[in-house]
Structures are given as structure tokens and as C-alpha cells.
Amino acid sequence: MKSLRLLLCALPLALTGCSTLSSINWSAAYPWNWFGSSLELTEQGVGNITAATALDQDALQAALSSDYRLRSGMKTENGTIVRYFEALKGDKLALVINGDKGTVNRIAVLDDAIPTASGVKVGTPFSDLYKQAFGNCASAPSDDGVTVQCKAPDSQHISYLFTGTWSGPEGLMPSDDTLKNWKVSKILWQQ
């Protein structure tokens, strides 16, 4: 009787062919993804994505929880064409993963559900992390207008990008009074 039930359950899959099976996200079947998983940004990387992870869709998907869908693209960087991956959670961009020589070397976190090991996440105010920008931060070029990049305290690989309202000249660092209300818009991990 059990084998008949199993046959009846498996028969539709067998009849639909391989095209149906290719759309299944098999990483959801991994036991560590059964109860959902929350990613965290550490000195090693994001979740199971580290500098040793291959810049390959299958390897990245296996390292992410089943909550994320990957898409790849190409862009120019320093005059060369490079491949990158974007991880989407629903229809929202959560991570941008870049690599060099076949492995991951940079991850940009845009999802406020992915904190650092110290609890910092997208949306954290500047004033919660720094008293002043001097010695910690520098103005950074960005398509989003004025951006300030600050090295995370006691970190070699993590930095925070802050954005906010400022009417001063481009390239000039906003004052500490202005920065105190700015929020983390992106967290960067770089090897």
C-alpha cells in the first residue's frame, strides 16, 4: 500500500519530465534550510558565502537560503568586463556579489534583514556608530548622490555606506552634525 502511494505521488513528476524539475529550487531541500535561515555578515562573508566560494550560480545558491533568487549580469569595472550576481528576496534586491579570478571578493548588502555580527544593519543611524567622521570615514563616489563610507570598528573587511540629505558641494565631507541623521544604505564586505 505504501509503495502504491509513493508511485502515485511520483508518477506526475515522472510524466511532466525534466522541464518541471529544472524550475525547482533544490537548495530548499537541504536540512539546514528546512526551518528558514537568517544570514549574517561577518568578517568571513555573508552566511556561507566567503572568499573561497566560487563565483558560480550553483555554488552561490547552495550557500544562500532558499529565500533568495539569483540573477547574473555583466558590467565594466576599471575598463574590464566583470560578472556579478544579484540575490533577490521576493522582488527586492538584497545582495550584490562580485568576484575576481573565479571566487567571491566583494558583497554589498542592501537587505535590512541581514545584520552584521555586531547587530548593525541597513537603516542604522550614523550617530549610533560614530561620534565623528574624522579618522573613520571618507566621501565616496556614488550614483545615489553624496555618500560617506566608514570603516566598521575593529574590522578589516566591513564598511558602511551612509546616505542622507545634504546641500553642500559634491566631494566634500558633510559635517558631523549633518551626518548624525544619515543612515546606513549599504554594508560592504570586501576581501
N, C-alpha and C. Protein backbone atom coordinates (compact mmCIF):
# COMPACT_ATOMS: atom_id res chain seq x y z
N MET A 1 0.81 -1.19 0.00
CA MET A 1 0.00 0.00 0.00
C MET A 1 0.87 1.27 0.00
N LYS A 2 1.94 1.24 0.81
CA LYS A 2 2.82 2.40 0.86
C LYS A 2 3.49 2.63 -0.49
N SER A 3 3.90 1.56 -1.14
CA SER A 3 4.57 1.70 -2.43
C SER A 3 3.60 2.23 -3.48
N LEU A 4 2.33 1.91 -3.38
CA LEU A 4 1.34 2.43 -4.31
C LEU A 4 1.17 3.93 -4.12
N ARG A 5 1.12 4.39 -2.87
CA ARG A 5 1.02 5.82 -2.59
C ARG A 5 2.24 6.56 -3.12
N LEU A 6 3.40 5.98 -2.90
CA LEU A 6 4.64 6.59 -3.39
C LEU A 6 4.63 6.66 -4.92
N LEU A 7 4.18 5.61 -5.55
CA LEU A 7 4.10 5.59 -7.01
C LEU A 7 3.14 6.65 -7.51
N LEU A 8 1.99 6.80 -6.84
CA LEU A 8 1.01 7.80 -7.25
C LEU A 8 1.54 9.23 -7.05
N CYS A 9 2.36 9.43 -6.04
CA CYS A 9 2.95 10.75 -5.80
C CYS A 9 4.06 11.05 -6.81
N ALA A 10 4.84 10.04 -7.16
CA ALA A 10 5.98 10.23 -8.05
C ALA A 10 5.58 10.24 -9.52
N LEU A 11 4.49 9.59 -9.87
CA LEU A 11 4.07 9.47 -11.26
C LEU A 11 3.88 10.83 -11.94
N PRO A 12 3.18 11.79 -11.34
CA PRO A 12 3.04 13.09 -12.02
C PRO A 12 4.38 13.76 -12.30
N LEU A 13 5.31 13.65 -11.39
CA LEU A 13 6.64 14.21 -11.62
C LEU A 13 7.33 13.53 -12.78
N ALA A 14 7.23 12.23 -12.84
CA ALA A 14 7.88 11.48 -13.92
C ALA A 14 7.24 11.80 -15.27
N LEU A 15 5.93 11.98 -15.27
CA LEU A 15 5.23 12.26 -16.53
C LEU A 15 5.48 13.68 -17.05
N THR A 16 5.73 14.64 -16.16
CA THR A 16 5.94 16.01 -16.61
C THR A 16 7.33 16.23 -17.17
N GLY A 17 8.24 15.35 -16.87
CA GLY A 17 9.57 15.43 -17.48
C GLY A 17 10.51 16.35 -16.74
N CYS A 18 11.66 16.50 -17.32
CA CYS A 18 12.74 17.26 -16.70
C CYS A 18 12.48 18.76 -16.68
N SER A 19 11.65 19.29 -17.57
CA SER A 19 11.43 20.73 -17.61
C SER A 19 10.84 21.23 -16.29
N THR A 20 9.98 20.45 -15.68
CA THR A 20 9.41 20.85 -14.40
C THR A 20 10.47 20.79 -13.30
N LEU A 21 11.30 19.79 -13.33
CA LEU A 21 12.31 19.63 -12.28
C LEU A 21 13.36 20.72 -12.33
N SER A 22 13.59 21.32 -13.49
CA SER A 22 14.62 22.36 -13.58
C SER A 22 14.19 23.64 -12.89
N SER A 23 12.89 23.84 -12.67
CA SER A 23 12.44 25.06 -12.01
C SER A 23 12.37 24.91 -10.49
N ILE A 24 12.64 23.74 -9.98
CA ILE A 24 12.61 23.51 -8.54
C ILE A 24 13.89 24.03 -7.92
N ASN A 25 13.78 24.74 -6.81
CA ASN A 25 14.95 25.22 -6.09
C ASN A 25 15.40 24.11 -5.14
N TRP A 26 16.36 23.31 -5.58
CA TRP A 26 16.78 22.14 -4.80
C TRP A 26 17.48 22.50 -3.50
N SER A 27 18.03 23.72 -3.39
CA SER A 27 18.68 24.08 -2.13
C SER A 27 17.67 24.14 -0.98
N ALA A 28 16.40 24.30 -1.28
CA ALA A 28 15.38 24.29 -0.23
C ALA A 28 15.27 22.93 0.42
N ALA A 29 15.75 21.88 -0.24
CA ALA A 29 15.68 20.53 0.31
C ALA A 29 16.79 20.25 1.32
N TYR A 30 17.81 21.10 1.36
CA TYR A 30 18.89 20.89 2.31
C TYR A 30 18.35 21.02 3.74
N PRO A 31 18.72 20.13 4.64
CA PRO A 31 18.19 20.18 6.00
C PRO A 31 18.41 21.51 6.71
N TRP A 32 19.54 22.20 6.44
CA TRP A 32 19.81 23.47 7.13
C TRP A 32 18.88 24.57 6.63
N ASN A 33 18.12 24.35 5.57
CA ASN A 33 17.17 25.35 5.08
C ASN A 33 15.72 25.01 5.42
N TRP A 34 15.47 23.92 6.09
CA TRP A 34 14.11 23.48 6.36
C TRP A 34 13.33 24.47 7.21
N PHE A 35 13.94 25.06 8.19
CA PHE A 35 13.24 25.93 9.11
C PHE A 35 13.56 27.39 8.85
N GLY A 36 14.00 27.70 7.63
CA GLY A 36 14.38 29.07 7.30
C GLY A 36 15.75 29.35 7.87
N SER A 37 16.40 30.31 7.33
CA SER A 37 17.70 30.66 7.86
C SER A 37 17.87 32.16 7.74
N SER A 38 18.56 32.71 8.68
CA SER A 38 18.83 34.14 8.62
C SER A 38 20.32 34.31 8.37
N LEU A 39 20.62 35.13 7.40
CA LEU A 39 22.01 35.40 7.06
C LEU A 39 22.57 36.45 8.00
N GLU A 40 23.88 36.41 8.17
CA GLU A 40 24.59 37.40 8.98
C GLU A 40 25.89 37.74 8.28
N LEU A 41 26.28 39.00 8.35
CA LEU A 41 27.53 39.46 7.77
C LEU A 41 28.62 39.42 8.83
N THR A 42 29.68 38.67 8.56
CA THR A 42 30.81 38.55 9.49
C THR A 42 32.10 38.92 8.74
N GLU A 43 33.20 38.83 9.42
CA GLU A 43 34.50 39.08 8.79
C GLU A 43 34.79 38.09 7.66
N GLN A 44 34.17 36.91 7.71
CA GLN A 44 34.40 35.88 6.70
C GLN A 44 33.55 36.08 5.45
N GLY A 45 32.38 36.73 5.57
CA GLY A 45 31.49 36.94 4.44
C GLY A 45 30.05 37.02 4.90
N VAL A 46 29.13 36.67 4.01
CA VAL A 46 27.70 36.71 4.33
C VAL A 46 27.19 35.27 4.35
N GLY A 47 26.72 34.84 5.51
CA GLY A 47 26.26 33.46 5.65
C GLY A 47 27.37 32.50 5.26
N ASN A 48 27.10 31.62 4.31
CA ASN A 48 28.10 30.67 3.85
C ASN A 48 28.87 31.15 2.62
N ILE A 49 28.64 32.39 2.20
CA ILE A 49 29.39 32.96 1.08
C ILE A 49 30.65 33.62 1.63
N THR A 50 31.79 33.08 1.26
CA THR A 50 33.09 33.59 1.73
C THR A 50 34.00 33.82 0.53
N ALA A 51 35.23 34.20 0.81
CA ALA A 51 36.22 34.41 -0.26
C ALA A 51 36.55 33.10 -0.98
N ALA A 52 36.23 31.96 -0.38
CA ALA A 52 36.51 30.66 -1.01
C ALA A 52 35.34 30.18 -1.88
N THR A 53 34.20 30.89 -1.83
CA THR A 53 33.03 30.49 -2.62
C THR A 53 33.24 30.82 -4.08
N ALA A 54 32.97 29.85 -4.93
CA ALA A 54 33.10 30.07 -6.38
C ALA A 54 32.07 31.08 -6.85
N LEU A 55 32.47 31.93 -7.78
CA LEU A 55 31.54 32.90 -8.38
C LEU A 55 30.76 32.16 -9.46
N ASP A 56 29.85 31.31 -8.98
CA ASP A 56 29.10 30.41 -9.83
C ASP A 56 27.68 30.34 -9.26
N GLN A 57 26.69 30.36 -10.13
CA GLN A 57 25.30 30.41 -9.67
C GLN A 57 24.94 29.24 -8.76
N ASP A 58 25.36 28.03 -9.10
CA ASP A 58 25.02 26.87 -8.26
C ASP A 58 25.68 26.96 -6.89
N ALA A 59 26.95 27.37 -6.85
CA ALA A 59 27.66 27.48 -5.57
C ALA A 59 27.05 28.57 -4.70
N LEU A 60 26.70 29.70 -5.30
CA LEU A 60 26.10 30.80 -4.54
C LEU A 60 24.71 30.43 -4.04
N GLN A 61 23.92 29.78 -4.88
CA GLN A 61 22.57 29.40 -4.46
C GLN A 61 22.63 28.38 -3.32
N ALA A 62 23.59 27.46 -3.38
CA ALA A 62 23.74 26.48 -2.30
C ALA A 62 24.16 27.17 -0.99
N ALA A 63 24.90 28.27 -1.09
CA ALA A 63 25.36 28.99 0.11
C ALA A 63 24.28 29.91 0.68
N LEU A 64 23.29 30.27 -0.13
CA LEU A 64 22.19 31.11 0.33
C LEU A 64 21.02 30.26 0.77
N SER A 65 20.14 30.86 1.54
CA SER A 65 18.92 30.13 1.89
C SER A 65 17.98 30.15 0.68
N SER A 66 16.97 29.35 0.73
CA SER A 66 16.03 29.25 -0.38
C SER A 66 15.17 30.51 -0.53
N ASP A 67 15.30 31.45 0.41
CA ASP A 67 14.54 32.71 0.33
C ASP A 67 15.04 33.61 -0.79
N TYR A 68 16.22 33.33 -1.31
CA TYR A 68 16.84 34.22 -2.29
C TYR A 68 16.87 33.59 -3.68
N ARG A 69 16.64 34.44 -4.68
CA ARG A 69 16.70 34.03 -6.08
C ARG A 69 17.85 34.80 -6.72
N LEU A 70 18.69 34.11 -7.47
CA LEU A 70 19.86 34.74 -8.08
C LEU A 70 19.61 35.10 -9.54
N ARG A 71 20.22 36.20 -9.95
CA ARG A 71 20.31 36.54 -11.37
C ARG A 71 21.71 37.09 -11.61
N SER A 72 22.23 36.88 -12.80
CA SER A 72 23.59 37.33 -13.09
C SER A 72 23.59 38.43 -14.12
N GLY A 73 24.70 39.14 -14.15
CA GLY A 73 24.84 40.23 -15.10
C GLY A 73 26.31 40.49 -15.37
N MET A 74 26.56 41.42 -16.30
CA MET A 74 27.91 41.83 -16.65
C MET A 74 27.98 43.35 -16.54
N LYS A 75 29.14 43.86 -16.14
CA LYS A 75 29.35 45.31 -16.07
C LYS A 75 30.82 45.60 -16.32
N THR A 76 31.13 46.85 -16.56
CA THR A 76 32.54 47.23 -16.72
C THR A 76 33.04 47.78 -15.40
N GLU A 77 34.25 47.38 -15.07
CA GLU A 77 34.89 47.82 -13.84
C GLU A 77 36.37 48.01 -14.13
N ASN A 78 36.84 49.23 -13.98
CA ASN A 78 38.23 49.57 -14.30
C ASN A 78 38.61 49.17 -15.72
N GLY A 79 37.68 49.37 -16.64
CA GLY A 79 37.96 49.10 -18.05
C GLY A 79 37.82 47.65 -18.49
N THR A 80 37.47 46.75 -17.60
CA THR A 80 37.28 45.35 -17.97
C THR A 80 35.84 44.92 -17.68
N ILE A 81 35.38 43.93 -18.41
CA ILE A 81 34.03 43.42 -18.20
C ILE A 81 34.09 42.34 -17.12
N VAL A 82 33.26 42.49 -16.10
CA VAL A 82 33.22 41.53 -14.99
C VAL A 82 31.80 41.01 -14.81
N ARG A 83 31.70 39.83 -14.28
CA ARG A 83 30.41 39.19 -14.00
C ARG A 83 30.06 39.43 -12.53
N TYR A 84 28.78 39.59 -12.27
CA TYR A 84 28.31 39.74 -10.90
C TYR A 84 26.97 39.03 -10.76
N PHE A 85 26.57 38.82 -9.51
CA PHE A 85 25.28 38.20 -9.22
C PHE A 85 24.50 39.10 -8.28
N GLU A 86 23.19 39.12 -8.48
CA GLU A 86 22.30 39.82 -7.57
C GLU A 86 21.40 38.78 -6.92
N ALA A 87 21.25 38.88 -5.61
CA ALA A 87 20.35 37.99 -4.87
C ALA A 87 19.10 38.80 -4.54
N LEU A 88 17.96 38.31 -4.98
CA LEU A 88 16.70 38.98 -4.73
C LEU A 88 15.88 38.21 -3.71
N LYS A 89 15.25 38.94 -2.83
CA LYS A 89 14.34 38.34 -1.84
C LYS A 89 12.96 38.85 -2.21
N GLY A 90 12.16 38.00 -2.78
CA GLY A 90 10.90 38.45 -3.39
C GLY A 90 11.27 39.24 -4.64
N ASP A 91 10.85 40.49 -4.70
CA ASP A 91 11.24 41.33 -5.83
C ASP A 91 12.22 42.42 -5.41
N LYS A 92 12.76 42.31 -4.19
CA LYS A 92 13.66 43.32 -3.63
C LYS A 92 15.11 42.86 -3.72
N LEU A 93 15.99 43.75 -4.20
CA LEU A 93 17.41 43.45 -4.28
C LEU A 93 18.00 43.39 -2.87
N ALA A 94 18.62 42.26 -2.51
CA ALA A 94 19.16 42.07 -1.17
C ALA A 94 20.68 42.09 -1.14
N LEU A 95 21.33 41.46 -2.12
CA LEU A 95 22.79 41.36 -2.16
C LEU A 95 23.29 41.56 -3.58
N VAL A 96 24.47 42.15 -3.72
CA VAL A 96 25.19 42.19 -5.00
C VAL A 96 26.53 41.54 -4.73
N ILE A 97 26.83 40.47 -5.48
CA ILE A 97 28.02 39.66 -5.23
C ILE A 97 28.96 39.77 -6.43
N ASN A 98 30.18 40.24 -6.17
CA ASN A 98 31.19 40.39 -7.20
C ASN A 98 32.33 39.42 -6.93
N GLY A 99 33.12 39.16 -7.95
CA GLY A 99 34.24 38.24 -7.78
C GLY A 99 35.42 38.60 -8.64
N ASP A 100 36.49 37.87 -8.40
CA ASP A 100 37.73 38.04 -9.15
C ASP A 100 38.41 36.68 -9.20
N LYS A 101 38.88 36.32 -10.35
CA LYS A 101 39.58 35.04 -10.54
C LYS A 101 38.74 33.85 -10.10
N GLY A 102 37.43 33.93 -10.35
CA GLY A 102 36.56 32.79 -10.11
C GLY A 102 35.99 32.64 -8.71
N THR A 103 36.37 33.51 -7.77
CA THR A 103 35.81 33.43 -6.42
C THR A 103 35.26 34.79 -5.99
N VAL A 104 34.46 34.78 -4.93
CA VAL A 104 33.83 36.00 -4.43
C VAL A 104 34.87 36.88 -3.74
N ASN A 105 34.83 38.19 -4.05
CA ASN A 105 35.74 39.11 -3.36
C ASN A 105 35.04 40.35 -2.80
N ARG A 106 33.75 40.52 -3.13
CA ARG A 106 33.04 41.69 -2.63
C ARG A 106 31.54 41.40 -2.59
N ILE A 107 30.90 41.78 -1.48
CA ILE A 107 29.46 41.61 -1.32
C ILE A 107 28.88 42.91 -0.79
N ALA A 108 27.85 43.40 -1.45
CA ALA A 108 27.12 44.57 -0.98
C ALA A 108 25.78 44.09 -0.42
N VAL A 109 25.51 44.43 0.83
CA VAL A 109 24.27 44.04 1.49
C VAL A 109 23.32 45.22 1.47
N LEU A 110 22.13 45.02 0.90
CA LEU A 110 21.10 46.07 0.83
C LEU A 110 19.85 45.69 1.62
N ASP A 111 19.80 44.48 2.15
CA ASP A 111 18.64 43.96 2.86
C ASP A 111 18.78 44.26 4.36
N ASP A 112 17.79 44.95 4.92
CA ASP A 112 17.86 45.29 6.35
C ASP A 112 17.62 44.09 7.26
N ALA A 113 17.35 42.92 6.68
CA ALA A 113 17.19 41.70 7.47
C ALA A 113 18.51 40.95 7.62
N ILE A 114 19.61 41.49 7.05
CA ILE A 114 20.92 40.86 7.16
C ILE A 114 21.82 41.77 7.99
N PRO A 115 21.94 41.50 9.29
CA PRO A 115 22.79 42.34 10.14
C PRO A 115 24.25 41.87 10.14
N THR A 116 25.10 42.72 10.66
CA THR A 116 26.48 42.31 10.91
C THR A 116 26.49 41.52 12.22
N ALA A 117 27.61 40.90 12.53
CA ALA A 117 27.73 40.15 13.77
C ALA A 117 27.53 41.06 14.99
N SER A 118 27.81 42.36 14.84
CA SER A 118 27.63 43.31 15.94
C SER A 118 26.23 43.93 15.96
N GLY A 119 25.33 43.51 15.03
CA GLY A 119 23.96 43.98 15.04
C GLY A 119 23.66 45.17 14.15
N VAL A 120 24.65 45.71 13.44
CA VAL A 120 24.42 46.83 12.54
C VAL A 120 23.71 46.32 11.29
N LYS A 121 22.72 47.07 10.82
CA LYS A 121 22.01 46.68 9.60
C LYS A 121 21.66 47.93 8.80
N VAL A 122 21.21 47.72 7.57
CA VAL A 122 20.77 48.83 6.73
C VAL A 122 19.69 49.58 7.49
N GLY A 123 19.83 50.90 7.57
CA GLY A 123 18.89 51.74 8.31
C GLY A 123 19.43 52.22 9.64
N THR A 124 20.57 51.67 10.11
CA THR A 124 21.17 52.11 11.38
C THR A 124 21.69 53.54 11.22
N PRO A 125 21.35 54.46 12.15
CA PRO A 125 21.82 55.84 12.05
C PRO A 125 23.33 55.96 12.32
N PHE A 126 23.94 56.95 11.68
CA PHE A 126 25.36 57.24 11.84
C PHE A 126 25.68 57.47 13.32
N SER A 127 24.82 58.21 14.01
CA SER A 127 25.08 58.56 15.42
C SER A 127 25.10 57.35 16.34
N ASP A 128 24.52 56.22 15.94
CA ASP A 128 24.57 55.01 16.75
C ASP A 128 25.95 54.34 16.68
N LEU A 129 26.74 54.68 15.66
CA LEU A 129 28.02 54.01 15.43
C LEU A 129 29.24 54.91 15.63
N TYR A 130 29.10 56.18 15.31
CA TYR A 130 30.26 57.09 15.34
C TYR A 130 29.89 58.41 15.99
N LYS A 131 30.87 58.98 16.68
CA LYS A 131 30.71 60.32 17.25
C LYS A 131 31.15 61.37 16.23
N GLN A 132 32.15 61.00 15.42
CA GLN A 132 32.66 61.90 14.39
C GLN A 132 33.15 61.11 13.19
N ALA A 133 33.17 61.78 12.04
CA ALA A 133 33.61 61.13 10.81
C ALA A 133 35.13 61.12 10.70
N PHE A 134 35.79 62.09 11.28
CA PHE A 134 37.24 62.21 11.15
C PHE A 134 37.94 60.93 11.66
N GLY A 135 38.78 60.37 10.82
CA GLY A 135 39.52 59.16 11.18
C GLY A 135 38.76 57.87 10.91
N ASN A 136 37.47 57.98 10.62
CA ASN A 136 36.66 56.78 10.37
C ASN A 136 36.07 56.73 8.96
N CYS A 137 35.83 57.91 8.36
CA CYS A 137 35.02 57.98 7.15
C CYS A 137 35.68 58.84 6.07
N ALA A 138 35.20 58.63 4.85
CA ALA A 138 35.63 59.44 3.71
C ALA A 138 34.46 59.56 2.74
N SER A 139 34.43 60.64 1.99
CA SER A 139 33.42 60.81 0.96
C SER A 139 33.67 59.76 -0.12
N ALA A 140 32.61 59.15 -0.61
CA ALA A 140 32.74 58.07 -1.60
C ALA A 140 31.92 58.40 -2.83
N PRO A 141 32.47 58.10 -4.01
CA PRO A 141 31.68 58.33 -5.22
C PRO A 141 30.49 57.38 -5.27
N SER A 142 29.35 57.90 -5.76
CA SER A 142 28.16 57.07 -5.80
C SER A 142 27.18 57.62 -6.83
N ASP A 143 26.37 56.74 -7.38
CA ASP A 143 25.31 57.15 -8.29
C ASP A 143 24.14 57.73 -7.52
N ASP A 144 24.10 57.51 -6.22
CA ASP A 144 22.99 57.94 -5.38
C ASP A 144 23.17 59.35 -4.83
N GLY A 145 24.14 60.10 -5.30
CA GLY A 145 24.41 61.43 -4.77
C GLY A 145 25.59 61.36 -3.82
N VAL A 146 25.52 62.12 -2.75
CA VAL A 146 26.62 62.16 -1.77
C VAL A 146 26.54 60.94 -0.87
N THR A 147 27.64 60.22 -0.77
CA THR A 147 27.73 59.03 0.07
C THR A 147 29.00 59.12 0.89
N VAL A 148 28.91 58.67 2.13
CA VAL A 148 30.06 58.63 3.02
C VAL A 148 30.31 57.17 3.38
N GLN A 149 31.57 56.73 3.20
CA GLN A 149 31.93 55.35 3.53
C GLN A 149 32.78 55.35 4.78
N CYS A 150 32.38 54.53 5.76
CA CYS A 150 33.07 54.44 7.04
C CYS A 150 33.49 53.00 7.30
N LYS A 151 34.71 52.82 7.74
CA LYS A 151 35.21 51.50 8.10
C LYS A 151 34.54 51.07 9.40
N ALA A 152 34.07 49.83 9.43
CA ALA A 152 33.45 49.30 10.64
C ALA A 152 34.52 49.20 11.74
N PRO A 153 34.18 49.57 12.96
CA PRO A 153 35.16 49.47 14.05
C PRO A 153 35.67 48.03 14.21
N ASP A 154 36.96 47.89 14.41
CA ASP A 154 37.61 46.59 14.63
C ASP A 154 37.37 45.60 13.49
N SER A 155 37.29 46.09 12.26
CA SER A 155 37.06 45.22 11.12
C SER A 155 38.07 45.49 10.02
N GLN A 156 38.49 44.43 9.36
CA GLN A 156 39.38 44.57 8.21
C GLN A 156 38.62 44.47 6.90
N HIS A 157 37.39 43.95 6.93
CA HIS A 157 36.67 43.64 5.70
C HIS A 157 35.32 44.34 5.54
N ILE A 158 34.79 44.95 6.60
CA ILE A 158 33.45 45.51 6.56
C ILE A 158 33.48 47.03 6.62
N SER A 159 32.65 47.66 5.78
CA SER A 159 32.47 49.11 5.85
C SER A 159 31.00 49.43 5.60
N TYR A 160 30.61 50.64 6.04
CA TYR A 160 29.22 51.08 5.92
C TYR A 160 29.15 52.27 4.98
N LEU A 161 28.14 52.27 4.11
CA LEU A 161 27.87 53.43 3.25
C LEU A 161 26.66 54.15 3.82
N PHE A 162 26.84 55.44 4.11
CA PHE A 162 25.77 56.27 4.66
C PHE A 162 25.30 57.25 3.60
N THR A 163 24.00 57.45 3.52
CA THR A 163 23.42 58.46 2.64
C THR A 163 22.41 59.27 3.43
N GLY A 164 22.21 60.49 2.96
CA GLY A 164 21.26 61.37 3.61
C GLY A 164 21.15 62.67 2.82
N THR A 165 20.45 63.62 3.40
CA THR A 165 20.23 64.90 2.75
C THR A 165 21.37 65.85 3.08
N TRP A 166 21.92 66.44 2.01
CA TRP A 166 23.00 67.42 2.18
C TRP A 166 23.05 68.29 0.95
N SER A 167 23.19 69.59 1.14
CA SER A 167 23.20 70.52 0.01
C SER A 167 24.57 71.13 -0.23
N GLY A 168 25.61 70.58 0.36
CA GLY A 168 26.96 71.10 0.16
C GLY A 168 27.56 70.62 -1.16
N PRO A 169 28.77 71.08 -1.46
CA PRO A 169 29.41 70.68 -2.72
C PRO A 169 29.77 69.20 -2.77
N GLU A 170 29.65 68.62 -3.98
CA GLU A 170 29.97 67.22 -4.18
C GLU A 170 31.45 66.97 -3.91
N GLY A 171 31.77 65.87 -3.25
CA GLY A 171 33.16 65.52 -2.95
C GLY A 171 33.62 66.04 -1.60
N LEU A 172 32.89 66.96 -1.00
CA LEU A 172 33.24 67.50 0.31
C LEU A 172 32.50 66.70 1.38
N MET A 173 33.19 66.40 2.47
CA MET A 173 32.60 65.62 3.56
C MET A 173 31.59 66.47 4.33
N PRO A 174 30.36 65.96 4.52
CA PRO A 174 29.38 66.68 5.34
C PRO A 174 29.87 66.77 6.79
N SER A 175 29.34 67.75 7.50
CA SER A 175 29.73 67.93 8.91
C SER A 175 29.17 66.80 9.77
N ASP A 176 29.74 66.63 10.95
CA ASP A 176 29.26 65.60 11.88
C ASP A 176 27.81 65.83 12.28
N ASP A 177 27.40 67.11 12.41
CA ASP A 177 26.00 67.42 12.74
C ASP A 177 25.06 66.94 11.65
N THR A 178 25.48 67.07 10.40
CA THR A 178 24.67 66.60 9.28
C THR A 178 24.65 65.08 9.24
N LEU A 179 25.80 64.47 9.45
CA LEU A 179 25.93 63.01 9.36
C LEU A 179 25.15 62.26 10.44
N LYS A 180 24.96 62.88 11.60
CA LYS A 180 24.33 62.14 12.71
C LYS A 180 22.95 61.61 12.35
N ASN A 181 22.27 62.23 11.39
CA ASN A 181 20.94 61.77 10.98
C ASN A 181 20.96 60.87 9.75
N TRP A 182 22.13 60.68 9.15
CA TRP A 182 22.23 59.81 7.99
C TRP A 182 22.13 58.36 8.43
N LYS A 183 21.72 57.51 7.52
CA LYS A 183 21.54 56.09 7.84
C LYS A 183 22.36 55.21 6.91
N VAL A 184 22.68 54.01 7.39
CA VAL A 184 23.39 53.03 6.56
C VAL A 184 22.47 52.66 5.40
N SER A 185 22.98 52.85 4.17
CA SER A 185 22.19 52.47 2.99
C SER A 185 22.71 51.16 2.39
N LYS A 186 23.94 50.82 2.73
CA LYS A 186 24.55 49.61 2.17
C LYS A 186 25.70 49.20 3.09
N ILE A 187 25.87 47.89 3.28
CA ILE A 187 27.00 47.38 4.05
C ILE A 187 27.88 46.60 3.07
N LEU A 188 29.16 46.90 3.07
CA LEU A 188 30.09 46.26 2.14
C LEU A 188 31.03 45.31 2.86
N TRP A 189 31.20 44.16 2.27
CA TRP A 189 32.24 43.21 2.70
C TRP A 189 33.19 43.06 1.53
N GLN A 190 34.47 43.26 1.78
CA GLN A 190 35.45 43.14 0.71
C GLN A 190 36.66 42.39 1.20
N GLN A 191 37.08 41.43 0.39
CA GLN A 191 38.26 40.61 0.72
C GLN A 191 39.52 41.45 0.59
